[in-house]
Amino acid sequence: MSLRSPVGETPRSCDAGLTRAFAFLGKRWNGVLLGTLARGPAGFAELTRALPGISESVLSDRLGELARAGLVCRTVREGPPLGVSYELTPHGVAVLPALDALARWAREHLPAEGCPPAASV
């Protein structure tokens, strides 16, 4: 088997945009968090309940990462009681059609064994 491309054939390369998208959205919980926030703003405790299996420290890290990427907005509500809510920015909303398409594809083509029931994005 030769590692060289046949003469005149352009070597394959991966799509840089797709690589960036999956590096970010494929990071555990990022895509699922965006899909969960598609239903509207949510507080930290509500997100913790909505995502069984995520630790509070990981949730905090992922929300910070999504906020730094400009996909999620963190809003502090004056109290009492003081509260924090998270919601999608326009950039976060823009990714929802792609997440919905991926969720639909997964429901149709991937086995559900060992996976928790999927919620619609």
PDB file of N, CA and C in Angstrom:
ATOM      1  N   MET A   1       0.840  -1.168   0.000  1.00  0.00           N
ATOM      2  CA  MET A   1       0.000   0.000   0.000  1.00  0.00           C
ATOM      3  C   MET A   1       0.887   1.232   0.000  1.00  0.00           C
ATOM      4  N   SER A   2       0.667   2.111  -0.932  1.00  0.00           N
ATOM      5  CA  SER A   2       1.473   3.316  -1.076  1.00  0.00           C
ATOM      6  C   SER A   2       0.832   4.469  -0.323  1.00  0.00           C
ATOM      7  N   LEU A   3       1.656   5.287   0.317  1.00  0.00           N
ATOM      8  CA  LEU A   3       1.166   6.456   1.022  1.00  0.00           C
ATOM      9  C   LEU A   3       1.065   7.662   0.097  1.00  0.00           C
ATOM     10  N   ARG A   4       1.571   7.538  -1.110  1.00  0.00           N
ATOM     11  CA  ARG A   4       1.518   8.651  -2.053  1.00  0.00           C
ATOM     12  C   ARG A   4       0.216   8.638  -2.832  1.00  0.00           C
ATOM     13  N   SER A   5      -0.246   9.846  -3.190  1.00  0.00           N
ATOM     14  CA  SER A   5      -1.434   9.964  -4.040  1.00  0.00           C
ATOM     15  C   SER A   5      -1.040   9.673  -5.459  1.00  0.00           C
ATOM     16  N   PRO A   6      -1.954   9.082  -6.233  1.00  0.00           N
ATOM     17  CA  PRO A   6      -1.658   8.885  -7.655  1.00  0.00           C
ATOM     18  C   PRO A   6      -1.345  10.223  -8.307  1.00  0.00           C
ATOM     19  N   VAL A   7      -0.518  10.193  -9.322  1.00  0.00           N
ATOM     20  CA  VAL A   7      -0.098  11.410 -10.018  1.00  0.00           C
ATOM     21  C   VAL A   7      -1.322  12.170 -10.507  1.00  0.00           C
ATOM     22  N   GLY A   8      -1.342  13.466 -10.261  1.00  0.00           N
ATOM     23  CA  GLY A   8      -2.429  14.319 -10.711  1.00  0.00           C
ATOM     24  C   GLY A   8      -3.635  14.347  -9.791  1.00  0.00           C
ATOM     25  N   GLU A   9      -3.648  13.528  -8.752  1.00  0.00           N
ATOM     26  CA  GLU A   9      -4.785  13.499  -7.833  1.00  0.00           C
ATOM     27  C   GLU A   9      -4.465  14.361  -6.615  1.00  0.00           C
ATOM     28  N   THR A  10      -5.411  15.171  -6.228  1.00  0.00           N
ATOM     29  CA  THR A  10      -5.228  16.022  -5.053  1.00  0.00           C
ATOM     30  C   THR A  10      -5.349  15.168  -3.800  1.00  0.00           C
ATOM     31  N   PRO A  11      -4.368  15.285  -2.890  1.00  0.00           N
ATOM     32  CA  PRO A  11      -4.465  14.496  -1.654  1.00  0.00           C
ATOM     33  C   PRO A  11      -5.673  14.947  -0.825  1.00  0.00           C
ATOM     34  N   ARG A  12      -6.269  14.016  -0.114  1.00  0.00           N
ATOM     35  CA  ARG A  12      -7.400  14.340   0.748  1.00  0.00           C
ATOM     36  C   ARG A  12      -6.938  15.129   1.952  1.00  0.00           C
ATOM     37  N   SER A  13      -7.817  15.988   2.414  1.00  0.00           N
ATOM     38  CA  SER A  13      -7.568  16.675   3.682  1.00  0.00           C
ATOM     39  C   SER A  13      -8.901  16.863   4.374  1.00  0.00           C
ATOM     40  N   CYS A  14      -8.839  16.995   5.665  1.00  0.00           N
ATOM     41  CA  CYS A  14     -10.086  17.170   6.400  1.00  0.00           C
ATOM     42  C   CYS A  14     -10.515  18.633   6.331  1.00  0.00           C
ATOM     43  N   ASP A  15     -11.795  18.858   6.462  1.00  0.00           N
ATOM     44  CA  ASP A  15     -12.344  20.204   6.434  1.00  0.00           C
ATOM     45  C   ASP A  15     -11.993  20.905   7.746  1.00  0.00           C
ATOM     46  N   ALA A  16     -11.329  22.047   7.656  1.00  0.00           N
ATOM     47  CA  ALA A  16     -10.885  22.758   8.858  1.00  0.00           C
ATOM     48  C   ALA A  16     -12.064  23.219   9.709  1.00  0.00           C
ATOM     49  N   GLY A  17     -13.130  23.668   9.076  1.00  0.00           N
ATOM     50  CA  GLY A  17     -14.297  24.110   9.829  1.00  0.00           C
ATOM     51  C   GLY A  17     -14.952  22.974  10.587  1.00  0.00           C
ATOM     52  N   LEU A  18     -15.078  21.832   9.934  1.00  0.00           N
ATOM     53  CA  LEU A  18     -15.670  20.665  10.574  1.00  0.00           C
ATOM     54  C   LEU A  18     -14.793  20.182  11.733  1.00  0.00           C
ATOM     55  N   THR A  19     -13.495  20.249  11.536  1.00  0.00           N
ATOM     56  CA  THR A  19     -12.562  19.867  12.600  1.00  0.00           C
ATOM     57  C   THR A  19     -12.744  20.778  13.811  1.00  0.00           C
ATOM     58  N   ARG A  20     -12.828  22.090  13.583  1.00  0.00           N
ATOM     59  CA  ARG A  20     -13.033  23.043  14.690  1.00  0.00           C
ATOM     60  C   ARG A  20     -14.371  22.817  15.367  1.00  0.00           C
ATOM     61  N   ALA A  21     -15.423  22.600  14.562  1.00  0.00           N
ATOM     62  CA  ALA A  21     -16.759  22.409  15.122  1.00  0.00           C
ATOM     63  C   ALA A  21     -16.803  21.180  16.035  1.00  0.00           C
ATOM     64  N   PHE A  22     -16.251  20.055  15.569  1.00  0.00           N
ATOM     65  CA  PHE A  22     -16.292  18.851  16.387  1.00  0.00           C
ATOM     66  C   PHE A  22     -15.330  18.906  17.559  1.00  0.00           C
ATOM     67  N   ALA A  23     -14.245  19.620  17.429  1.00  0.00           N
ATOM     68  CA  ALA A  23     -13.333  19.788  18.569  1.00  0.00           C
ATOM     69  C   ALA A  23     -14.047  20.530  19.696  1.00  0.00           C
ATOM     70  N   PHE A  24     -14.896  21.492  19.329  1.00  0.00           N
ATOM     71  CA  PHE A  24     -15.604  22.276  20.338  1.00  0.00           C
ATOM     72  C   PHE A  24     -16.908  21.600  20.769  1.00  0.00           C
ATOM     73  N   LEU A  25     -17.766  21.283  19.809  1.00  0.00           N
ATOM     74  CA  LEU A  25     -19.073  20.705  20.132  1.00  0.00           C
ATOM     75  C   LEU A  25     -18.969  19.251  20.563  1.00  0.00           C
ATOM     76  N   GLY A  26     -17.913  18.580  20.122  1.00  0.00           N
ATOM     77  CA  GLY A  26     -17.720  17.194  20.497  1.00  0.00           C
ATOM     78  C   GLY A  26     -17.158  17.026  21.891  1.00  0.00           C
ATOM     79  N   LYS A  27     -16.720  18.120  22.498  1.00  0.00           N
ATOM     80  CA  LYS A  27     -16.237  18.053  23.865  1.00  0.00           C
ATOM     81  C   LYS A  27     -17.424  17.706  24.748  1.00  0.00           C
ATOM     82  N   ARG A  28     -17.259  16.744  25.593  1.00  0.00           N
ATOM     83  CA  ARG A  28     -18.379  16.223  26.372  1.00  0.00           C
ATOM     84  C   ARG A  28     -19.178  17.343  27.020  1.00  0.00           C
ATOM     85  N   TRP A  29     -20.467  17.326  26.806  1.00  0.00           N
ATOM     86  CA  TRP A  29     -21.499  18.195  27.353  1.00  0.00           C
ATOM     87  C   TRP A  29     -21.717  19.494  26.594  1.00  0.00           C
ATOM     88  N   ASN A  30     -20.775  19.985  25.798  1.00  0.00           N
ATOM     89  CA  ASN A  30     -20.970  21.275  25.130  1.00  0.00           C
ATOM     90  C   ASN A  30     -22.205  21.277  24.237  1.00  0.00           C
ATOM     91  N   GLY A  31     -22.301  20.336  23.333  1.00  0.00           N
ATOM     92  CA  GLY A  31     -23.448  20.285  22.434  1.00  0.00           C
ATOM     93  C   GLY A  31     -24.742  20.030  23.176  1.00  0.00           C
ATOM     94  N   VAL A  32     -24.695  19.158  24.173  1.00  0.00           N
ATOM     95  CA  VAL A  32     -25.889  18.834  24.947  1.00  0.00           C
ATOM     96  C   VAL A  32     -26.356  20.054  25.743  1.00  0.00           C
ATOM     97  N   LEU A  33     -25.428  20.817  26.281  1.00  0.00           N
ATOM     98  CA  LEU A  33     -25.792  22.040  27.006  1.00  0.00           C
ATOM     99  C   LEU A  33     -26.469  23.042  26.080  1.00  0.00           C
ATOM    100  N   LEU A  34     -25.922  23.215  24.892  1.00  0.00           N
ATOM    101  CA  LEU A  34     -26.545  24.129  23.931  1.00  0.00           C
ATOM    102  C   LEU A  34     -27.955  23.665  23.592  1.00  0.00           C
ATOM    103  N   GLY A  35     -28.119  22.378  23.370  1.00  0.00           N
ATOM    104  CA  GLY A  35     -29.439  21.840  23.075  1.00  0.00           C
ATOM    105  C   GLY A  35     -30.406  22.008  24.228  1.00  0.00           C
ATOM    106  N   THR A  36     -29.929  21.873  25.445  1.00  0.00           N
ATOM    107  CA  THR A  36     -30.768  22.052  26.626  1.00  0.00           C
ATOM    108  C   THR A  36     -31.195  23.511  26.760  1.00  0.00           C
ATOM    109  N   LEU A  37     -30.289  24.434  26.478  1.00  0.00           N
ATOM    110  CA  LEU A  37     -30.612  25.859  26.563  1.00  0.00           C
ATOM    111  C   LEU A  37     -31.485  26.330  25.394  1.00  0.00           C
ATOM    112  N   ALA A  38     -31.693  25.480  24.405  1.00  0.00           N
ATOM    113  CA  ALA A  38     -32.579  25.829  23.292  1.00  0.00           C
ATOM    114  C   ALA A  38     -34.005  26.059  23.789  1.00  0.00           C
ATOM    115  N   ARG A  39     -34.353  25.472  24.914  1.00  0.00           N
ATOM    116  CA  ARG A  39     -35.703  25.622  25.479  1.00  0.00           C
ATOM    117  C   ARG A  39     -35.869  26.917  26.253  1.00  0.00           C
ATOM    118  N   GLY A  40     -34.802  27.702  26.372  1.00  0.00           N
ATOM    119  CA  GLY A  40     -34.875  28.988  27.073  1.00  0.00           C
ATOM    120  C   GLY A  40     -33.863  29.070  28.197  1.00  0.00           C
ATOM    121  N   PRO A  41     -33.787  30.240  28.829  1.00  0.00           N
ATOM    122  CA  PRO A  41     -32.823  30.445  29.915  1.00  0.00           C
ATOM    123  C   PRO A  41     -33.031  29.443  31.042  1.00  0.00           C
ATOM    124  N   ALA A  42     -31.937  29.114  31.704  1.00  0.00           N
ATOM    125  CA  ALA A  42     -32.001  28.171  32.825  1.00  0.00           C
ATOM    126  C   ALA A  42     -30.939  28.533  33.846  1.00  0.00           C
ATOM    127  N   GLY A  43     -31.249  28.254  35.086  1.00  0.00           N
ATOM    128  CA  GLY A  43     -30.294  28.454  36.166  1.00  0.00           C
ATOM    129  C   GLY A  43     -29.362  27.255  36.287  1.00  0.00           C
ATOM    130  N   PHE A  44     -28.335  27.424  37.094  1.00  0.00           N
ATOM    131  CA  PHE A  44     -27.332  26.382  37.273  1.00  0.00           C
ATOM    132  C   PHE A  44     -27.963  25.099  37.820  1.00  0.00           C
ATOM    133  N   ALA A  45     -28.783  25.225  38.853  1.00  0.00           N
ATOM    134  CA  ALA A  45     -29.395  24.034  39.465  1.00  0.00           C
ATOM    135  C   ALA A  45     -30.311  23.321  38.470  1.00  0.00           C
ATOM    136  N   GLU A  46     -31.050  24.085  37.677  1.00  0.00           N
ATOM    137  CA  GLU A  46     -31.936  23.481  36.681  1.00  0.00           C
ATOM    138  C   GLU A  46     -31.134  22.709  35.639  1.00  0.00           C
ATOM    139  N   LEU A  47     -29.996  23.269  35.221  1.00  0.00           N
ATOM    140  CA  LEU A  47     -29.134  22.579  34.253  1.00  0.00           C
ATOM    141  C   LEU A  47     -28.538  21.312  34.860  1.00  0.00           C
ATOM    142  N   THR A  48     -28.179  21.382  36.127  1.00  0.00           N
ATOM    143  CA  THR A  48     -27.646  20.196  36.811  1.00  0.00           C
ATOM    144  C   THR A  48     -28.674  19.073  36.816  1.00  0.00           C
ATOM    145  N   ARG A  49     -29.934  19.419  37.099  1.00  0.00           N
ATOM    146  CA  ARG A  49     -31.012  18.406  37.098  1.00  0.00           C
ATOM    147  C   ARG A  49     -31.296  17.895  35.684  1.00  0.00           C
ATOM    148  N   ALA A  50     -31.171  18.764  34.690  1.00  0.00           N
ATOM    149  CA  ALA A  50     -31.491  18.384  33.306  1.00  0.00           C
ATOM    150  C   ALA A  50     -30.431  17.472  32.694  1.00  0.00           C
ATOM    151  N   LEU A  51     -29.227  17.482  33.249  1.00  0.00           N
ATOM    152  CA  LEU A  51     -28.120  16.712  32.685  1.00  0.00           C
ATOM    153  C   LEU A  51     -27.587  15.721  33.720  1.00  0.00           C
ATOM    154  N   PRO A  52     -28.308  14.622  33.944  1.00  0.00           N
ATOM    155  CA  PRO A  52     -27.829  13.651  34.919  1.00  0.00           C
ATOM    156  C   PRO A  52     -26.442  13.144  34.526  1.00  0.00           C
ATOM    157  N   GLY A  53     -25.568  13.093  35.498  1.00  0.00           N
ATOM    158  CA  GLY A  53     -24.232  12.586  35.234  1.00  0.00           C
ATOM    159  C   GLY A  53     -23.179  13.670  35.125  1.00  0.00           C
ATOM    160  N   ILE A  54     -23.578  14.927  34.975  1.00  0.00           N
ATOM    161  CA  ILE A  54     -22.583  15.995  34.896  1.00  0.00           C
ATOM    162  C   ILE A  54     -22.311  16.494  36.315  1.00  0.00           C
ATOM    163  N   SER A  55     -21.044  16.672  36.629  1.00  0.00           N
ATOM    164  CA  SER A  55     -20.703  17.206  37.948  1.00  0.00           C
ATOM    165  C   SER A  55     -20.838  18.729  37.914  1.00  0.00           C
ATOM    166  N   GLU A  56     -21.001  19.318  39.074  1.00  0.00           N
ATOM    167  CA  GLU A  56     -21.131  20.772  39.136  1.00  0.00           C
ATOM    168  C   GLU A  56     -19.876  21.468  38.624  1.00  0.00           C
ATOM    169  N   SER A  57     -18.703  20.903  38.898  1.00  0.00           N
ATOM    170  CA  SER A  57     -17.470  21.545  38.434  1.00  0.00           C
ATOM    171  C   SER A  57     -17.346  21.476  36.912  1.00  0.00           C
ATOM    172  N   VAL A  58     -17.731  20.355  36.316  1.00  0.00           N
ATOM    173  CA  VAL A  58     -17.681  20.236  34.861  1.00  0.00           C
ATOM    174  C   VAL A  58     -18.724  21.162  34.235  1.00  0.00           C
ATOM    175  N   LEU A  59     -19.926  21.216  34.815  1.00  0.00           N
ATOM    176  CA  LEU A  59     -20.957  22.118  34.308  1.00  0.00           C
ATOM    177  C   LEU A  59     -20.464  23.559  34.344  1.00  0.00           C
ATOM    178  N   SER A  60     -19.861  23.946  35.432  1.00  0.00           N
ATOM    179  CA  SER A  60     -19.323  25.305  35.553  1.00  0.00           C
ATOM    180  C   SER A  60     -18.252  25.564  34.494  1.00  0.00           C
ATOM    181  N   ASP A  61     -17.348  24.608  34.297  1.00  0.00           N
ATOM    182  CA  ASP A  61     -16.293  24.742  33.278  1.00  0.00           C
ATOM    183  C   ASP A  61     -16.889  24.872  31.882  1.00  0.00           C
ATOM    184  N   ARG A  62     -17.861  24.011  31.560  1.00  0.00           N
ATOM    185  CA  ARG A  62     -18.439  24.030  30.213  1.00  0.00           C
ATOM    186  C   ARG A  62     -19.222  25.311  29.964  1.00  0.00           C
ATOM    187  N   LEU A  63     -19.984  25.766  30.962  1.00  0.00           N
ATOM    188  CA  LEU A  63     -20.720  27.024  30.796  1.00  0.00           C
ATOM    189  C   LEU A  63     -19.763  28.194  30.587  1.00  0.00           C
ATOM    190  N   GLY A  64     -18.650  28.194  31.310  1.00  0.00           N
ATOM    191  CA  GLY A  64     -17.639  29.238  31.123  1.00  0.00           C
ATOM    192  C   GLY A  64     -17.045  29.182  29.726  1.00  0.00           C
ATOM    193  N   GLU A  65     -16.776  27.982  29.247  1.00  0.00           N
ATOM    194  CA  GLU A  65     -16.224  27.805  27.911  1.00  0.00           C
ATOM    195  C   GLU A  65     -17.216  28.281  26.840  1.00  0.00           C
ATOM    196  N   LEU A  66     -18.481  27.920  26.999  1.00  0.00           N
ATOM    197  CA  LEU A  66     -19.506  28.353  26.046  1.00  0.00           C
ATOM    198  C   LEU A  66     -19.693  29.871  26.082  1.00  0.00           C
ATOM    199  N   ALA A  67     -19.577  30.452  27.266  1.00  0.00           N
ATOM    200  CA  ALA A  67     -19.689  31.911  27.387  1.00  0.00           C
ATOM    201  C   ALA A  67     -18.496  32.603  26.722  1.00  0.00           C
ATOM    202  N   ARG A  68     -17.298  32.093  26.951  1.00  0.00           N
ATOM    203  CA  ARG A  68     -16.103  32.688  26.318  1.00  0.00           C
ATOM    204  C   ARG A  68     -16.155  32.577  24.802  1.00  0.00           C
ATOM    205  N   ALA A  69     -16.797  31.536  24.299  1.00  0.00           N
ATOM    206  CA  ALA A  69     -16.934  31.354  22.852  1.00  0.00           C
ATOM    207  C   ALA A  69     -18.056  32.221  22.277  1.00  0.00           C
ATOM    208  N   GLY A  70     -18.803  32.888  23.153  1.00  0.00           N
ATOM    209  CA  GLY A  70     -19.872  33.762  22.691  1.00  0.00           C
ATOM    210  C   GLY A  70     -21.162  33.049  22.345  1.00  0.00           C
ATOM    211  N   LEU A  71     -21.337  31.810  22.809  1.00  0.00           N
ATOM    212  CA  LEU A  71     -22.538  31.034  22.504  1.00  0.00           C
ATOM    213  C   LEU A  71     -23.583  31.107  23.612  1.00  0.00           C
ATOM    214  N   VAL A  72     -23.134  31.425  24.826  1.00  0.00           N
ATOM    215  CA  VAL A  72     -24.011  31.485  25.990  1.00  0.00           C
ATOM    216  C   VAL A  72     -23.746  32.786  26.734  1.00  0.00           C
ATOM    217  N   CYS A  73     -24.821  33.370  27.236  1.00  0.00           N
ATOM    218  CA  CYS A  73     -24.724  34.585  28.032  1.00  0.00           C
ATOM    219  C   CYS A  73     -25.062  34.246  29.478  1.00  0.00           C
ATOM    220  N   ARG A  74     -24.255  34.725  30.400  1.00  0.00           N
ATOM    221  CA  ARG A  74     -24.477  34.519  31.840  1.00  0.00           C
ATOM    222  C   ARG A  74     -25.026  35.821  32.406  1.00  0.00           C
ATOM    223  N   THR A  75     -26.183  35.734  33.058  1.00  0.00           N
ATOM    224  CA  THR A  75     -26.815  36.916  33.627  1.00  0.00           C
ATOM    225  C   THR A  75     -27.012  36.715  35.126  1.00  0.00           C
ATOM    226  N   VAL A  76     -26.536  37.684  35.907  1.00  0.00           N
ATOM    227  CA  VAL A  76     -26.722  37.638  37.361  1.00  0.00           C
ATOM    228  C   VAL A  76     -27.981  38.432  37.680  1.00  0.00           C
ATOM    229  N   ARG A  77     -28.916  37.774  38.359  1.00  0.00           N
ATOM    230  CA  ARG A  77     -30.153  38.423  38.788  1.00  0.00           C
ATOM    231  C   ARG A  77     -29.962  38.929  40.212  1.00  0.00           C
ATOM    232  N   GLU A  78     -30.292  40.193  40.397  1.00  0.00           N
ATOM    233  CA  GLU A  78     -30.187  40.774  41.741  1.00  0.00           C
ATOM    234  C   GLU A  78     -31.182  40.092  42.668  1.00  0.00           C
ATOM    235  N   GLY A  79     -30.840  39.976  43.902  1.00  0.00           N
ATOM    236  CA  GLY A  79     -31.688  39.274  44.848  1.00  0.00           C
ATOM    237  C   GLY A  79     -32.453  40.212  45.737  1.00  0.00           C
ATOM    238  N   PRO A  80     -32.928  39.770  46.818  1.00  0.00           N
ATOM    239  CA  PRO A  80     -32.782  38.381  47.204  1.00  0.00           C
ATOM    240  C   PRO A  80     -33.826  37.481  46.558  1.00  0.00           C
ATOM    241  N   PRO A  81     -33.581  36.259  46.357  1.00  0.00           N
ATOM    242  CA  PRO A  81     -32.254  35.648  46.382  1.00  0.00           C
ATOM    243  C   PRO A  81     -31.493  35.975  45.095  1.00  0.00           C
ATOM    244  N   LEU A  82     -30.205  36.055  45.228  1.00  0.00           N
ATOM    245  CA  LEU A  82     -29.336  36.279  44.085  1.00  0.00           C
ATOM    246  C   LEU A  82     -29.415  35.056  43.185  1.00  0.00           C
ATOM    247  N   GLY A  83     -29.370  35.241  41.893  1.00  0.00           N
ATOM    248  CA  GLY A  83     -29.441  34.099  40.985  1.00  0.00           C
ATOM    249  C   GLY A  83     -28.645  34.346  39.723  1.00  0.00           C
ATOM    250  N   VAL A  84     -28.313  33.271  39.064  1.00  0.00           N
ATOM    251  CA  VAL A  84     -27.585  33.340  37.804  1.00  0.00           C
ATOM    252  C   VAL A  84     -28.361  32.517  36.790  1.00  0.00           C
ATOM    253  N   SER A  85     -28.544  33.062  35.609  1.00  0.00           N
ATOM    254  CA  SER A  85     -29.176  32.281  34.558  1.00  0.00           C
ATOM    255  C   SER A  85     -28.292  32.303  33.321  1.00  0.00           C
ATOM    256  N   TYR A  86     -28.473  31.289  32.510  1.00  0.00           N
ATOM    257  CA  TYR A  86     -27.699  31.123  31.283  1.00  0.00           C
ATOM    258  C   TYR A  86     -28.672  31.030  30.127  1.00  0.00           C
ATOM    259  N   GLU A  87     -28.338  31.695  29.025  1.00  0.00           N
ATOM    260  CA  GLU A  87     -29.176  31.601  27.840  1.00  0.00           C
ATOM    261  C   GLU A  87     -28.307  31.696  26.595  1.00  0.00           C
ATOM    262  N   LEU A  88     -28.847  31.221  25.495  1.00  0.00           N
ATOM    263  CA  LEU A  88     -28.118  31.245  24.233  1.00  0.00           C
ATOM    264  C   LEU A  88     -28.031  32.668  23.693  1.00  0.00           C
ATOM    265  N   THR A  89     -26.900  32.997  23.124  1.00  0.00           N
ATOM    266  CA  THR A  89     -26.735  34.244  22.392  1.00  0.00           C
ATOM    267  C   THR A  89     -27.192  33.975  20.953  1.00  0.00           C
ATOM    268  N   PRO A  90     -27.251  35.003  20.107  1.00  0.00           N
ATOM    269  CA  PRO A  90     -27.580  34.740  18.702  1.00  0.00           C
ATOM    270  C   PRO A  90     -26.625  33.726  18.046  1.00  0.00           C
ATOM    271  N   HIS A  91     -25.354  33.733  18.437  1.00  0.00           N
ATOM    272  CA  HIS A  91     -24.408  32.743  17.890  1.00  0.00           C
ATOM    273  C   HIS A  91     -24.750  31.339  18.381  1.00  0.00           C
ATOM    274  N   GLY A  92     -25.224  31.228  19.611  1.00  0.00           N
ATOM    275  CA  GLY A  92     -25.651  29.935  20.132  1.00  0.00           C
ATOM    276  C   GLY A  92     -26.908  29.441  19.447  1.00  0.00           C
ATOM    277  N   VAL A  93     -27.841  30.346  19.191  1.00  0.00           N
ATOM    278  CA  VAL A  93     -29.072  29.985  18.485  1.00  0.00           C
ATOM    279  C   VAL A  93     -28.743  29.517  17.068  1.00  0.00           C
ATOM    280  N   ALA A  94     -27.729  30.124  16.459  1.00  0.00           N
ATOM    281  CA  ALA A  94     -27.367  29.788  15.073  1.00  0.00           C
ATOM    282  C   ALA A  94     -26.913  28.340  14.918  1.00  0.00           C
ATOM    283  N   VAL A  95     -26.412  27.717  15.972  1.00  0.00           N
ATOM    284  CA  VAL A  95     -25.938  26.329  15.875  1.00  0.00           C
ATOM    285  C   VAL A  95     -27.078  25.323  16.069  1.00  0.00           C
ATOM    286  N   LEU A  96     -28.240  25.767  16.525  1.00  0.00           N
ATOM    287  CA  LEU A  96     -29.330  24.837  16.827  1.00  0.00           C
ATOM    288  C   LEU A  96     -29.804  24.013  15.631  1.00  0.00           C
ATOM    289  N   PRO A  97     -29.930  24.581  14.426  1.00  0.00           N
ATOM    290  CA  PRO A  97     -30.336  23.721  13.305  1.00  0.00           C
ATOM    291  C   PRO A  97     -29.360  22.567  13.056  1.00  0.00           C
ATOM    292  N   ALA A  98     -28.068  22.827  13.226  1.00  0.00           N
ATOM    293  CA  ALA A  98     -27.076  21.756  13.044  1.00  0.00           C
ATOM    294  C   ALA A  98     -27.211  20.710  14.143  1.00  0.00           C
ATOM    295  N   LEU A  99     -27.433  21.143  15.386  1.00  0.00           N
ATOM    296  CA  LEU A  99     -27.611  20.192  16.488  1.00  0.00           C
ATOM    297  C   LEU A  99     -28.882  19.380  16.298  1.00  0.00           C
ATOM    298  N   ASP A 100     -29.939  20.028  15.831  1.00  0.00           N
ATOM    299  CA  ASP A 100     -31.190  19.320  15.574  1.00  0.00           C
ATOM    300  C   ASP A 100     -30.995  18.255  14.491  1.00  0.00           C
ATOM    301  N   ALA A 101     -30.261  18.610  13.440  1.00  0.00           N
ATOM    302  CA  ALA A 101     -29.990  17.644  12.364  1.00  0.00           C
ATOM    303  C   ALA A 101     -29.158  16.469  12.887  1.00  0.00           C
ATOM    304  N   LEU A 102     -28.173  16.735  13.724  1.00  0.00           N
ATOM    305  CA  LEU A 102     -27.363  15.659  14.306  1.00  0.00           C
ATOM    306  C   LEU A 102     -28.209  14.765  15.211  1.00  0.00           C
ATOM    307  N   ALA A 103     -29.081  15.371  16.013  1.00  0.00           N
ATOM    308  CA  ALA A 103     -29.936  14.580  16.904  1.00  0.00           C
ATOM    309  C   ALA A 103     -30.881  13.700  16.092  1.00  0.00           C
ATOM    310  N   ARG A 104     -31.448  14.245  15.038  1.00  0.00           N
ATOM    311  CA  ARG A 104     -32.355  13.478  14.174  1.00  0.00           C
ATOM    312  C   ARG A 104     -31.598  12.320  13.526  1.00  0.00           C
ATOM    313  N   TRP A 105     -30.391  12.590  13.022  1.00  0.00           N
ATOM    314  CA  TRP A 105     -29.564  11.552  12.416  1.00  0.00           C
ATOM    315  C   TRP A 105     -29.264  10.450  13.437  1.00  0.00           C
ATOM    316  N   ALA A 106     -28.907  10.839  14.662  1.00  0.00           N
ATOM    317  CA  ALA A 106     -28.571   9.853  15.696  1.00  0.00           C
ATOM    318  C   ALA A 106     -29.778   8.987  16.041  1.00  0.00           C
ATOM    319  N   ARG A 107     -30.957   9.597  16.151  1.00  0.00           N
ATOM    320  CA  ARG A 107     -32.159   8.816  16.453  1.00  0.00           C
ATOM    321  C   ARG A 107     -32.451   7.804  15.345  1.00  0.00           C
ATOM    322  N   GLU A 108     -32.163   8.170  14.115  1.00  0.00           N
ATOM    323  CA  GLU A 108     -32.453   7.298  12.976  1.00  0.00           C
ATOM    324  C   GLU A 108     -31.367   6.255  12.696  1.00  0.00           C
ATOM    325  N   HIS A 109     -30.120   6.556  13.018  1.00  0.00           N
ATOM    326  CA  HIS A 109     -29.026   5.707  12.555  1.00  0.00           C
ATOM    327  C   HIS A 109     -28.106   5.123  13.625  1.00  0.00           C
ATOM    328  N   LEU A 110     -28.199   5.576  14.853  1.00  0.00           N
ATOM    329  CA  LEU A 110     -27.320   5.046  15.889  1.00  0.00           C
ATOM    330  C   LEU A 110     -28.112   4.199  16.871  1.00  0.00           C
ATOM    331  N   PRO A 111     -27.512   3.109  17.347  1.00  0.00           N
ATOM    332  CA  PRO A 111     -28.210   2.295  18.342  1.00  0.00           C
ATOM    333  C   PRO A 111     -28.355   3.073  19.644  1.00  0.00           C
ATOM    334  N   ALA A 112     -29.462   2.879  20.317  1.00  0.00           N
ATOM    335  CA  ALA A 112     -29.738   3.596  21.557  1.00  0.00           C
ATOM    336  C   ALA A 112     -29.248   2.845  22.787  1.00  0.00           C
ATOM    337  N   GLU A 113     -28.718   1.651  22.610  1.00  0.00           N
ATOM    338  CA  GLU A 113     -28.275   0.842  23.742  1.00  0.00           C
ATOM    339  C   GLU A 113     -27.223   1.572  24.544  1.00  0.00           C
ATOM    340  N   GLY A 114     -27.430   1.600  25.851  1.00  0.00           N
ATOM    341  CA  GLY A 114     -26.465   2.214  26.751  1.00  0.00           C
ATOM    342  C   GLY A 114     -26.556   3.730  26.782  1.00  0.00           C
ATOM    343  N   CYS A 115     -27.474   4.322  26.036  1.00  0.00           N
ATOM    344  CA  CYS A 115     -27.627   5.767  26.015  1.00  0.00           C
ATOM    345  C   CYS A 115     -28.898   6.148  26.765  1.00  0.00           C
ATOM    346  N   PRO A 116     -28.864   7.267  27.493  1.00  0.00           N
ATOM    347  CA  PRO A 116     -30.096   7.731  28.116  1.00  0.00           C
ATOM    348  C   PRO A 116     -31.065   8.178  27.039  1.00  0.00           C
ATOM    349  N   PRO A 117     -32.361   8.204  27.335  1.00  0.00           N
ATOM    350  CA  PRO A 117     -33.334   8.656  26.330  1.00  0.00           C
ATOM    351  C   PRO A 117     -32.954  10.042  25.827  1.00  0.00           C
ATOM    352  N   ALA A 118     -32.994  10.226  24.512  1.00  0.00           N
ATOM    353  CA  ALA A 118     -32.603  11.500  23.919  1.00  0.00           C
ATOM    354  C   ALA A 118     -33.746  12.481  23.978  1.00  0.00           C
ATOM    355  N   ALA A 119     -33.409  13.695  24.361  1.00  0.00           N
ATOM    356  CA  ALA A 119     -34.391  14.785  24.320  1.00  0.00           C
ATOM    357  C   ALA A 119     -34.209  15.506  23.009  1.00  0.00           C
ATOM    358  N   SER A 120     -35.270  15.964  22.464  1.00  0.00           N
ATOM    359  CA  SER A 120     -35.215  16.705  21.204  1.00  0.00           C
ATOM    360  C   SER A 120     -34.509  18.026  21.426  1.00  0.00           C
ATOM    361  N   VAL A 121     -33.659  18.390  20.506  1.00  0.00           N
ATOM    362  CA  VAL A 121     -32.924  19.664  20.600  1.00  0.00           C
ATOM    363  C   VAL A 121     -33.831  20.790  20.221  1.00  0.00           C
TER     364      VAL A 121
END
